[in-house]
Amino acid sequence: MAVRDIRLFGDPVLRTVAAPVTTFDKELRRLVRDLAETMADAGGVGLAAPQVGVSLRVFTYLDDDDEVGHLVNPVLGPFSEELQDGEEGCLSLPGLSFELRRSERVVAVGQNVYGDPVTVEGSGLLARCLQHETDHLDGVLFVDRLDKETKKAAMKAIREAEWANEPKPVVRTSPHPLFGRAR
């Protein structure tokens, strides 16, 4: 297990739709353990694979009993018509949080690391977390869901954040350069 670096706002992987998991192997189990350890180290309640630079549809979360859970290839729904207001933050936007309205209850279906079906029903903070982390898998950040005025304030806070001017990591699509030649 290892604590991985968390990608920050502006990293292209955070805006990319993650690929479905098709192989349920030791590497996936290692990724989930690393996500759980990284989430705990950062003091978060959820962490999606894209946040550590892995574009796969998997995330970890803390449930209502503070136990770590995970979902692979999650699909959300149904959503409750009842809404909740609350502060929401993100480990990829450290130190920032803003009021955001989300569904009060949601059901998430997916798989575990062995490919077995899993259903998670959440309300309150767990519902918020399930929605937030699934958004990450779709390349959506919570600031995208803010109302116009709050989003404007959020973008200003992001530009002024100490971490905002850090150099962005280079994203490589292949470890093998083609030197301009397509094959």
N, C-alpha and C. Protein backbone atom coordinates (compact mmCIF):
# COMPACT_ATOMS: atom_id res chain seq x y z
N MET A 1 0.85 -1.18 0.00
CA MET A 1 0.00 0.00 0.00
C MET A 1 0.88 1.24 0.00
N ALA A 2 0.34 2.30 -0.61
CA ALA A 2 1.12 3.52 -0.70
C ALA A 2 0.20 4.72 -0.72
N VAL A 3 0.67 5.80 -0.11
CA VAL A 3 -0.03 7.07 -0.23
C VAL A 3 0.43 7.68 -1.54
N ARG A 4 -0.53 8.00 -2.39
CA ARG A 4 -0.22 8.57 -3.71
C ARG A 4 -0.45 10.08 -3.69
N ASP A 5 0.18 10.76 -4.63
CA ASP A 5 -0.04 12.20 -4.78
C ASP A 5 -1.44 12.43 -5.31
N ILE A 6 -2.11 13.43 -4.75
CA ILE A 6 -3.45 13.80 -5.20
C ILE A 6 -3.33 14.88 -6.26
N ARG A 7 -3.97 14.65 -7.38
CA ARG A 7 -3.95 15.61 -8.48
C ARG A 7 -4.82 16.81 -8.12
N LEU A 8 -4.34 17.99 -8.51
CA LEU A 8 -5.02 19.23 -8.17
C LEU A 8 -5.79 19.81 -9.34
N PHE A 9 -6.73 20.69 -9.02
CA PHE A 9 -7.53 21.39 -10.03
C PHE A 9 -6.61 21.88 -11.15
N GLY A 10 -7.01 21.65 -12.37
CA GLY A 10 -6.21 22.04 -13.53
C GLY A 10 -5.54 20.85 -14.19
N ASP A 11 -5.42 19.74 -13.47
CA ASP A 11 -4.83 18.53 -14.05
C ASP A 11 -5.85 17.93 -15.02
N PRO A 12 -5.46 17.66 -16.25
CA PRO A 12 -6.40 17.15 -17.26
C PRO A 12 -7.09 15.85 -16.87
N VAL A 13 -6.47 15.00 -16.07
CA VAL A 13 -7.10 13.73 -15.70
C VAL A 13 -8.40 13.96 -14.93
N LEU A 14 -8.52 15.09 -14.24
CA LEU A 14 -9.72 15.39 -13.48
C LEU A 14 -10.90 15.77 -14.37
N ARG A 15 -10.63 16.08 -15.62
CA ARG A 15 -11.68 16.47 -16.58
C ARG A 15 -11.94 15.39 -17.62
N THR A 16 -11.37 14.23 -17.41
CA THR A 16 -11.50 13.12 -18.35
C THR A 16 -12.50 12.10 -17.81
N VAL A 17 -13.39 11.62 -18.68
CA VAL A 17 -14.31 10.56 -18.28
C VAL A 17 -13.50 9.29 -18.09
N ALA A 18 -13.60 8.70 -16.92
CA ALA A 18 -12.81 7.51 -16.58
C ALA A 18 -13.35 6.27 -17.31
N ALA A 19 -12.45 5.38 -17.63
CA ALA A 19 -12.79 4.14 -18.33
C ALA A 19 -13.38 3.12 -17.35
N PRO A 20 -14.32 2.32 -17.82
CA PRO A 20 -14.85 1.25 -16.96
C PRO A 20 -13.76 0.24 -16.62
N VAL A 21 -13.85 -0.31 -15.43
CA VAL A 21 -12.93 -1.38 -15.02
C VAL A 21 -13.42 -2.67 -15.66
N THR A 22 -12.52 -3.35 -16.34
CA THR A 22 -12.87 -4.62 -17.00
C THR A 22 -12.07 -5.79 -16.44
N THR A 23 -10.99 -5.48 -15.72
CA THR A 23 -10.13 -6.53 -15.17
C THR A 23 -10.11 -6.40 -13.65
N PHE A 24 -10.57 -7.43 -12.99
CA PHE A 24 -10.65 -7.44 -11.53
C PHE A 24 -9.52 -8.32 -11.00
N ASP A 25 -8.36 -7.67 -10.81
CA ASP A 25 -7.15 -8.43 -10.47
C ASP A 25 -6.43 -7.80 -9.28
N LYS A 26 -5.24 -8.31 -9.04
CA LYS A 26 -4.43 -7.83 -7.92
C LYS A 26 -4.10 -6.34 -8.06
N GLU A 27 -3.91 -5.90 -9.28
CA GLU A 27 -3.59 -4.49 -9.52
C GLU A 27 -4.77 -3.59 -9.09
N LEU A 28 -5.99 -4.01 -9.37
CA LEU A 28 -7.17 -3.25 -8.94
C LEU A 28 -7.26 -3.24 -7.42
N ARG A 29 -7.03 -4.37 -6.79
CA ARG A 29 -7.07 -4.42 -5.32
C ARG A 29 -6.01 -3.51 -4.72
N ARG A 30 -4.83 -3.45 -5.32
CA ARG A 30 -3.76 -2.56 -4.86
C ARG A 30 -4.20 -1.10 -5.01
N LEU A 31 -4.83 -0.77 -6.14
CA LEU A 31 -5.31 0.59 -6.36
C LEU A 31 -6.32 0.99 -5.28
N VAL A 32 -7.26 0.10 -4.96
CA VAL A 32 -8.27 0.41 -3.94
C VAL A 32 -7.61 0.59 -2.57
N ARG A 33 -6.63 -0.25 -2.24
CA ARG A 33 -5.91 -0.07 -0.96
C ARG A 33 -5.17 1.26 -0.94
N ASP A 34 -4.53 1.61 -2.06
CA ASP A 34 -3.82 2.89 -2.14
C ASP A 34 -4.80 4.07 -2.03
N LEU A 35 -5.96 3.96 -2.67
CA LEU A 35 -6.96 5.02 -2.55
C LEU A 35 -7.40 5.19 -1.10
N ALA A 36 -7.66 4.07 -0.43
CA ALA A 36 -8.09 4.14 0.97
C ALA A 36 -7.01 4.76 1.85
N GLU A 37 -5.76 4.36 1.65
CA GLU A 37 -4.67 4.89 2.45
C GLU A 37 -4.45 6.38 2.16
N THR A 38 -4.53 6.77 0.89
CA THR A 38 -4.34 8.17 0.51
C THR A 38 -5.48 9.02 1.06
N MET A 39 -6.71 8.51 0.99
CA MET A 39 -7.88 9.21 1.52
C MET A 39 -7.71 9.44 3.02
N ALA A 40 -7.31 8.40 3.74
CA ALA A 40 -7.13 8.52 5.20
C ALA A 40 -6.01 9.50 5.52
N ASP A 41 -4.90 9.42 4.80
CA ASP A 41 -3.76 10.31 5.03
C ASP A 41 -4.15 11.78 4.82
N ALA A 42 -5.03 12.03 3.83
CA ALA A 42 -5.43 13.40 3.52
C ALA A 42 -6.61 13.87 4.36
N GLY A 43 -7.21 12.96 5.15
CA GLY A 43 -8.34 13.33 5.98
C GLY A 43 -9.63 13.51 5.19
N GLY A 44 -9.76 12.79 4.08
CA GLY A 44 -10.96 12.91 3.25
C GLY A 44 -12.00 11.87 3.60
N VAL A 45 -13.19 12.03 3.00
CA VAL A 45 -14.27 11.06 3.18
C VAL A 45 -14.56 10.32 1.88
N GLY A 46 -13.83 10.64 0.83
CA GLY A 46 -13.96 9.96 -0.44
C GLY A 46 -12.78 10.30 -1.33
N LEU A 47 -12.44 9.38 -2.23
CA LEU A 47 -11.34 9.63 -3.16
C LEU A 47 -11.55 8.77 -4.40
N ALA A 48 -11.55 9.40 -5.55
CA ALA A 48 -11.74 8.71 -6.82
C ALA A 48 -10.39 8.47 -7.49
N ALA A 49 -10.30 7.39 -8.25
CA ALA A 49 -9.05 7.02 -8.92
C ALA A 49 -8.48 8.16 -9.77
N PRO A 50 -9.30 8.92 -10.53
CA PRO A 50 -8.70 10.03 -11.29
C PRO A 50 -7.95 11.03 -10.42
N GLN A 51 -8.33 11.14 -9.16
CA GLN A 51 -7.65 12.09 -8.27
C GLN A 51 -6.22 11.67 -7.95
N VAL A 52 -5.88 10.42 -8.22
CA VAL A 52 -4.49 9.98 -8.06
C VAL A 52 -3.88 9.66 -9.42
N GLY A 53 -4.53 10.15 -10.50
CA GLY A 53 -3.97 10.02 -11.83
C GLY A 53 -4.32 8.73 -12.56
N VAL A 54 -5.28 7.97 -12.05
CA VAL A 54 -5.67 6.71 -12.69
C VAL A 54 -7.09 6.88 -13.24
N SER A 55 -7.23 6.86 -14.54
CA SER A 55 -8.52 7.12 -15.16
C SER A 55 -9.36 5.85 -15.28
N LEU A 56 -9.76 5.33 -14.12
CA LEU A 56 -10.63 4.16 -14.03
C LEU A 56 -11.81 4.49 -13.13
N ARG A 57 -12.94 3.83 -13.36
CA ARG A 57 -14.18 4.10 -12.63
C ARG A 57 -14.19 3.34 -11.31
N VAL A 58 -13.48 3.88 -10.33
CA VAL A 58 -13.41 3.29 -9.00
C VAL A 58 -13.17 4.40 -7.98
N PHE A 59 -13.81 4.27 -6.81
CA PHE A 59 -13.55 5.22 -5.73
C PHE A 59 -13.71 4.55 -4.38
N THR A 60 -13.12 5.18 -3.37
CA THR A 60 -13.29 4.76 -1.98
C THR A 60 -14.08 5.83 -1.25
N TYR A 61 -14.68 5.44 -0.12
CA TYR A 61 -15.48 6.37 0.67
C TYR A 61 -15.54 5.88 2.11
N LEU A 62 -15.89 6.79 3.00
CA LEU A 62 -16.18 6.43 4.39
C LEU A 62 -17.69 6.33 4.53
N ASP A 63 -18.17 5.23 5.09
CA ASP A 63 -19.61 5.08 5.29
C ASP A 63 -20.03 5.74 6.60
N ASP A 64 -21.30 5.57 6.96
CA ASP A 64 -21.84 6.23 8.16
C ASP A 64 -21.19 5.73 9.45
N ASP A 65 -20.56 4.56 9.42
CA ASP A 65 -19.87 4.00 10.60
C ASP A 65 -18.36 4.24 10.53
N ASP A 66 -17.92 5.15 9.64
CA ASP A 66 -16.51 5.46 9.42
C ASP A 66 -15.70 4.25 8.96
N GLU A 67 -16.37 3.32 8.29
CA GLU A 67 -15.70 2.18 7.67
C GLU A 67 -15.42 2.54 6.22
N VAL A 68 -14.27 2.11 5.72
CA VAL A 68 -13.91 2.40 4.33
C VAL A 68 -14.63 1.41 3.41
N GLY A 69 -15.27 1.96 2.40
CA GLY A 69 -15.90 1.15 1.36
C GLY A 69 -15.35 1.56 0.00
N HIS A 70 -15.71 0.81 -1.00
CA HIS A 70 -15.29 1.16 -2.36
C HIS A 70 -16.37 0.74 -3.34
N LEU A 71 -16.38 1.38 -4.48
CA LEU A 71 -17.28 1.02 -5.57
C LEU A 71 -16.50 1.03 -6.88
N VAL A 72 -16.74 0.02 -7.67
CA VAL A 72 -16.14 -0.09 -9.00
C VAL A 72 -17.30 0.02 -10.00
N ASN A 73 -17.11 0.81 -11.05
CA ASN A 73 -18.11 1.01 -12.09
C ASN A 73 -19.48 1.42 -11.52
N PRO A 74 -19.51 2.44 -10.65
CA PRO A 74 -20.78 2.81 -10.01
C PRO A 74 -21.75 3.49 -10.97
N VAL A 75 -23.02 3.25 -10.71
CA VAL A 75 -24.12 3.94 -11.39
C VAL A 75 -25.05 4.43 -10.28
N LEU A 76 -25.42 5.70 -10.35
CA LEU A 76 -26.28 6.29 -9.32
C LEU A 76 -27.74 6.33 -9.75
N GLY A 77 -28.63 6.16 -8.80
CA GLY A 77 -30.05 6.31 -9.03
C GLY A 77 -30.80 5.19 -8.35
N PRO A 78 -31.94 5.45 -7.83
CA PRO A 78 -32.64 6.73 -7.95
C PRO A 78 -32.13 7.76 -6.93
N PHE A 79 -32.39 9.02 -7.25
CA PHE A 79 -32.08 10.14 -6.37
C PHE A 79 -33.36 10.56 -5.67
N SER A 80 -33.25 10.98 -4.42
CA SER A 80 -34.43 11.48 -3.73
C SER A 80 -34.78 12.87 -4.27
N GLU A 81 -36.05 13.20 -4.20
CA GLU A 81 -36.46 14.56 -4.58
C GLU A 81 -36.09 15.54 -3.47
N GLU A 82 -35.95 15.02 -2.25
CA GLU A 82 -35.54 15.86 -1.12
C GLU A 82 -34.08 16.24 -1.31
N LEU A 83 -33.77 17.50 -1.07
CA LEU A 83 -32.41 18.01 -1.27
C LEU A 83 -31.79 18.39 0.07
N GLN A 84 -30.46 18.43 0.07
CA GLN A 84 -29.72 18.88 1.25
C GLN A 84 -28.78 20.01 0.81
N ASP A 85 -28.64 20.99 1.68
CA ASP A 85 -27.67 22.05 1.48
C ASP A 85 -26.50 21.76 2.40
N GLY A 86 -25.31 22.12 1.98
CA GLY A 86 -24.17 21.92 2.85
C GLY A 86 -22.87 22.32 2.18
N GLU A 87 -21.87 22.49 3.02
CA GLU A 87 -20.53 22.79 2.53
C GLU A 87 -19.96 21.55 1.86
N GLU A 88 -19.32 21.75 0.74
CA GLU A 88 -18.66 20.64 0.06
C GLU A 88 -17.26 21.09 -0.33
N GLY A 89 -16.31 20.20 -0.13
CA GLY A 89 -14.94 20.46 -0.51
C GLY A 89 -14.42 19.29 -1.33
N CYS A 90 -13.15 19.36 -1.65
CA CYS A 90 -12.56 18.32 -2.50
C CYS A 90 -11.06 18.28 -2.24
N LEU A 91 -10.52 17.07 -2.15
CA LEU A 91 -9.08 16.93 -1.93
C LEU A 91 -8.27 17.47 -3.10
N SER A 92 -8.89 17.62 -4.27
CA SER A 92 -8.21 18.18 -5.43
C SER A 92 -8.29 19.71 -5.47
N LEU A 93 -9.01 20.29 -4.52
CA LEU A 93 -9.08 21.74 -4.33
C LEU A 93 -8.84 22.01 -2.84
N PRO A 94 -7.64 21.72 -2.35
CA PRO A 94 -7.39 21.75 -0.90
C PRO A 94 -7.68 23.11 -0.27
N GLY A 95 -8.35 23.03 0.89
CA GLY A 95 -8.62 24.22 1.68
C GLY A 95 -9.83 25.01 1.24
N LEU A 96 -10.52 24.58 0.18
CA LEU A 96 -11.66 25.33 -0.32
C LEU A 96 -12.94 24.52 -0.15
N SER A 97 -14.01 25.18 0.25
CA SER A 97 -15.31 24.53 0.31
C SER A 97 -16.37 25.59 0.04
N PHE A 98 -17.49 25.12 -0.53
CA PHE A 98 -18.56 26.03 -0.91
C PHE A 98 -19.90 25.33 -0.70
N GLU A 99 -20.94 26.13 -0.49
CA GLU A 99 -22.30 25.60 -0.34
C GLU A 99 -22.75 24.99 -1.66
N LEU A 100 -23.26 23.76 -1.56
CA LEU A 100 -23.75 23.07 -2.76
C LEU A 100 -24.95 22.22 -2.39
N ARG A 101 -25.98 22.30 -3.19
CA ARG A 101 -27.19 21.51 -2.98
C ARG A 101 -27.05 20.19 -3.73
N ARG A 102 -27.32 19.10 -3.00
CA ARG A 102 -27.29 17.75 -3.56
C ARG A 102 -28.54 17.00 -3.11
N SER A 103 -28.80 15.85 -3.73
CA SER A 103 -29.90 15.00 -3.28
C SER A 103 -29.61 14.48 -1.88
N GLU A 104 -30.63 14.40 -1.05
CA GLU A 104 -30.49 13.94 0.33
C GLU A 104 -30.20 12.44 0.41
N ARG A 105 -30.77 11.69 -0.53
CA ARG A 105 -30.57 10.24 -0.54
C ARG A 105 -30.29 9.78 -1.96
N VAL A 106 -29.47 8.73 -2.06
CA VAL A 106 -29.17 8.18 -3.38
C VAL A 106 -28.81 6.70 -3.21
N VAL A 107 -29.03 5.95 -4.26
CA VAL A 107 -28.62 4.55 -4.31
C VAL A 107 -27.54 4.43 -5.37
N ALA A 108 -26.46 3.76 -5.02
CA ALA A 108 -25.37 3.51 -5.97
C ALA A 108 -25.23 2.00 -6.14
N VAL A 109 -25.17 1.56 -7.38
CA VAL A 109 -24.91 0.16 -7.66
C VAL A 109 -23.61 0.06 -8.44
N GLY A 110 -22.86 -0.97 -8.17
CA GLY A 110 -21.58 -1.17 -8.83
C GLY A 110 -21.05 -2.54 -8.49
N GLN A 111 -19.75 -2.61 -8.38
CA GLN A 111 -19.09 -3.88 -8.09
C GLN A 111 -18.03 -3.66 -7.03
N ASN A 112 -17.59 -4.76 -6.42
CA ASN A 112 -16.44 -4.70 -5.53
C ASN A 112 -15.20 -5.08 -6.33
N VAL A 113 -14.05 -5.18 -5.66
CA VAL A 113 -12.79 -5.45 -6.36
C VAL A 113 -12.73 -6.85 -6.98
N TYR A 114 -13.68 -7.70 -6.64
CA TYR A 114 -13.73 -9.05 -7.21
C TYR A 114 -14.76 -9.16 -8.33
N GLY A 115 -15.47 -8.06 -8.61
CA GLY A 115 -16.48 -8.06 -9.66
C GLY A 115 -17.86 -8.43 -9.18
N ASP A 116 -18.02 -8.66 -7.87
CA ASP A 116 -19.33 -9.01 -7.31
C ASP A 116 -20.21 -7.76 -7.25
N PRO A 117 -21.52 -7.91 -7.46
CA PRO A 117 -22.41 -6.75 -7.39
C PRO A 117 -22.51 -6.18 -5.98
N VAL A 118 -22.59 -4.84 -5.91
CA VAL A 118 -22.68 -4.12 -4.64
C VAL A 118 -23.72 -3.02 -4.79
N THR A 119 -24.52 -2.82 -3.75
CA THR A 119 -25.47 -1.71 -3.70
C THR A 119 -25.21 -0.93 -2.41
N VAL A 120 -25.08 0.37 -2.55
CA VAL A 120 -24.88 1.24 -1.39
C VAL A 120 -26.00 2.27 -1.38
N GLU A 121 -26.73 2.33 -0.27
CA GLU A 121 -27.76 3.34 -0.09
C GLU A 121 -27.23 4.37 0.89
N GLY A 122 -27.24 5.62 0.47
CA GLY A 122 -26.69 6.65 1.34
C GLY A 122 -27.63 7.82 1.52
N SER A 123 -27.53 8.44 2.69
CA SER A 123 -28.25 9.68 2.95
C SER A 123 -27.27 10.63 3.62
N GLY A 124 -27.61 11.91 3.60
CA GLY A 124 -26.76 12.91 4.23
C GLY A 124 -25.37 12.95 3.62
N LEU A 125 -24.35 12.88 4.49
CA LEU A 125 -22.96 12.99 4.03
C LEU A 125 -22.58 11.86 3.08
N LEU A 126 -23.04 10.64 3.35
CA LEU A 126 -22.71 9.53 2.46
C LEU A 126 -23.33 9.74 1.07
N ALA A 127 -24.55 10.23 0.99
CA ALA A 127 -25.18 10.53 -0.30
C ALA A 127 -24.38 11.59 -1.04
N ARG A 128 -23.96 12.62 -0.31
CA ARG A 128 -23.14 13.68 -0.92
C ARG A 128 -21.85 13.10 -1.47
N CYS A 129 -21.21 12.24 -0.69
CA CYS A 129 -19.95 11.63 -1.08
C CYS A 129 -20.12 10.76 -2.33
N LEU A 130 -21.15 9.93 -2.36
CA LEU A 130 -21.39 9.07 -3.52
C LEU A 130 -21.59 9.89 -4.79
N GLN A 131 -22.33 10.99 -4.67
CA GLN A 131 -22.56 11.86 -5.82
C GLN A 131 -21.27 12.56 -6.25
N HIS A 132 -20.53 13.05 -5.28
CA HIS A 132 -19.28 13.77 -5.55
C HIS A 132 -18.26 12.86 -6.24
N GLU A 133 -18.06 11.67 -5.70
CA GLU A 133 -17.04 10.77 -6.26
C GLU A 133 -17.45 10.24 -7.62
N THR A 134 -18.74 9.98 -7.83
CA THR A 134 -19.18 9.54 -9.15
C THR A 134 -19.00 10.66 -10.17
N ASP A 135 -19.23 11.91 -9.75
CA ASP A 135 -18.94 13.04 -10.63
C ASP A 135 -17.48 13.01 -11.08
N HIS A 136 -16.56 12.74 -10.16
CA HIS A 136 -15.14 12.67 -10.54
C HIS A 136 -14.92 11.68 -11.68
N LEU A 137 -15.62 10.57 -11.64
CA LEU A 137 -15.45 9.54 -12.67
C LEU A 137 -15.99 10.00 -14.02
N ASP A 138 -16.85 11.01 -13.99
CA ASP A 138 -17.40 11.57 -15.22
C ASP A 138 -16.68 12.85 -15.65
N GLY A 139 -15.57 13.19 -14.98
CA GLY A 139 -14.82 14.39 -15.33
C GLY A 139 -15.47 15.68 -14.84
N VAL A 140 -16.35 15.56 -13.84
CA VAL A 140 -17.07 16.71 -13.30
C VAL A 140 -16.54 17.01 -11.91
N LEU A 141 -16.26 18.28 -11.64
CA LEU A 141 -15.83 18.73 -10.31
C LEU A 141 -16.99 19.43 -9.64
N PHE A 142 -17.00 19.41 -8.30
CA PHE A 142 -18.13 19.99 -7.58
C PHE A 142 -18.32 21.46 -7.91
N VAL A 143 -17.26 22.18 -8.26
CA VAL A 143 -17.41 23.60 -8.60
C VAL A 143 -18.23 23.78 -9.87
N ASP A 144 -18.30 22.76 -10.72
CA ASP A 144 -19.12 22.83 -11.92
C ASP A 144 -20.61 22.87 -11.59
N ARG A 145 -20.98 22.39 -10.42
CA ARG A 145 -22.39 22.31 -10.02
C ARG A 145 -22.83 23.50 -9.16
N LEU A 146 -21.92 24.42 -8.89
CA LEU A 146 -22.27 25.60 -8.08
C LEU A 146 -23.14 26.56 -8.87
N ASP A 147 -23.97 27.33 -8.16
CA ASP A 147 -24.74 28.37 -8.85
C ASP A 147 -23.76 29.42 -9.38
N LYS A 148 -24.23 30.24 -10.31
CA LYS A 148 -23.36 31.17 -11.04
C LYS A 148 -22.54 32.08 -10.12
N GLU A 149 -23.18 32.66 -9.13
CA GLU A 149 -22.49 33.59 -8.23
C GLU A 149 -21.43 32.87 -7.38
N THR A 150 -21.80 31.71 -6.84
CA THR A 150 -20.87 30.96 -6.01
C THR A 150 -19.72 30.42 -6.85
N LYS A 151 -20.01 30.02 -8.07
CA LYS A 151 -18.94 29.52 -8.95
C LYS A 151 -17.93 30.62 -9.26
N LYS A 152 -18.41 31.82 -9.46
CA LYS A 152 -17.52 32.95 -9.71
C LYS A 152 -16.59 33.17 -8.52
N ALA A 153 -17.14 33.11 -7.31
CA ALA A 153 -16.33 33.25 -6.09
C ALA A 153 -15.36 32.08 -5.96
N ALA A 154 -15.81 30.89 -6.32
CA ALA A 154 -14.95 29.70 -6.23
C ALA A 154 -13.77 29.81 -7.19
N MET A 155 -14.02 30.24 -8.40
CA MET A 155 -12.93 30.36 -9.39
C MET A 155 -11.91 31.42 -8.95
N LYS A 156 -12.39 32.49 -8.34
CA LYS A 156 -11.48 33.50 -7.80
C LYS A 156 -10.63 32.91 -6.69
N ALA A 157 -11.26 32.15 -5.79
CA ALA A 157 -10.53 31.52 -4.68
C ALA A 157 -9.51 30.51 -5.21
N ILE A 158 -9.86 29.79 -6.26
CA ILE A 158 -8.93 28.82 -6.86
C ILE A 158 -7.73 29.55 -7.44
N ARG A 159 -7.97 30.63 -8.18
CA ARG A 159 -6.85 31.39 -8.77
C ARG A 159 -5.91 31.93 -7.70
N GLU A 160 -6.47 32.29 -6.53
CA GLU A 160 -5.67 32.87 -5.45
C GLU A 160 -5.07 31.82 -4.51
N ALA A 161 -5.45 30.57 -4.67
CA ALA A 161 -4.96 29.51 -3.78
C ALA A 161 -3.46 29.31 -3.96
N GLU A 162 -2.80 29.03 -2.86
CA GLU A 162 -1.35 28.83 -2.86
C GLU A 162 -0.92 27.74 -3.84
N TRP A 163 -1.72 26.70 -3.96
CA TRP A 163 -1.37 25.56 -4.80
C TRP A 163 -1.70 25.79 -6.27
N ALA A 164 -2.41 26.87 -6.62
CA ALA A 164 -2.90 27.08 -7.98
C ALA A 164 -1.79 27.30 -9.00
N ASN A 165 -0.66 27.79 -8.56
CA ASN A 165 0.41 28.08 -9.50
C ASN A 165 1.47 27.00 -9.59
N GLU A 166 1.17 25.85 -8.98
CA GLU A 166 2.08 24.71 -9.08
C GLU A 166 2.11 24.24 -10.53
N PRO A 167 3.27 23.79 -11.02
CA PRO A 167 3.31 23.28 -12.39
C PRO A 167 2.42 22.05 -12.52
N LYS A 168 1.71 21.97 -13.63
CA LYS A 168 0.83 20.83 -13.88
C LYS A 168 1.67 19.65 -14.35
N PRO A 169 1.32 18.43 -13.92
CA PRO A 169 2.07 17.27 -14.38
C PRO A 169 1.84 17.02 -15.86
N VAL A 170 2.83 16.48 -16.51
CA VAL A 170 2.71 16.13 -17.92
C VAL A 170 1.94 14.82 -18.01
N VAL A 171 0.91 14.82 -18.84
CA VAL A 171 0.12 13.61 -19.04
C VAL A 171 0.60 12.94 -20.32
N ARG A 172 1.04 11.72 -20.18
CA ARG A 172 1.51 10.96 -21.34
C ARG A 172 0.50 9.87 -21.63
N THR A 173 0.20 9.70 -22.91
CA THR A 173 -0.75 8.67 -23.28
C THR A 173 -0.07 7.32 -23.45
N SER A 174 1.24 7.33 -23.66
CA SER A 174 1.96 6.08 -23.83
C SER A 174 3.39 6.28 -23.33
N PRO A 175 3.94 5.25 -22.71
CA PRO A 175 5.34 5.38 -22.29
C PRO A 175 6.31 5.21 -23.46
N HIS A 176 5.79 4.87 -24.63
CA HIS A 176 6.62 4.62 -25.80
C HIS A 176 6.39 5.70 -26.85
N PRO A 177 7.33 6.65 -26.99
CA PRO A 177 7.13 7.72 -27.98
C PRO A 177 7.18 7.15 -29.39
N LEU A 178 6.37 7.74 -30.27
CA LEU A 178 6.34 7.30 -31.67
C LEU A 178 7.23 8.17 -32.54
N PHE A 179 7.82 9.21 -31.97
CA PHE A 179 8.71 10.10 -32.71
C PHE A 179 8.02 10.63 -33.97
N GLY A 180 6.71 10.94 -33.85
CA GLY A 180 5.99 11.51 -34.97
C GLY A 180 5.52 10.51 -36.00
N ARG A 181 5.79 9.25 -35.79
CA ARG A 181 5.38 8.23 -36.77
C ARG A 181 4.18 7.47 -36.21
N ALA A 182 3.14 7.43 -36.98
CA ALA A 182 1.99 6.63 -36.59
C ALA A 182 2.16 5.21 -37.11
N ARG A 183 1.66 4.25 -36.37
CA ARG A 183 1.79 2.86 -36.81
C ARG A 183 0.44 2.26 -37.04
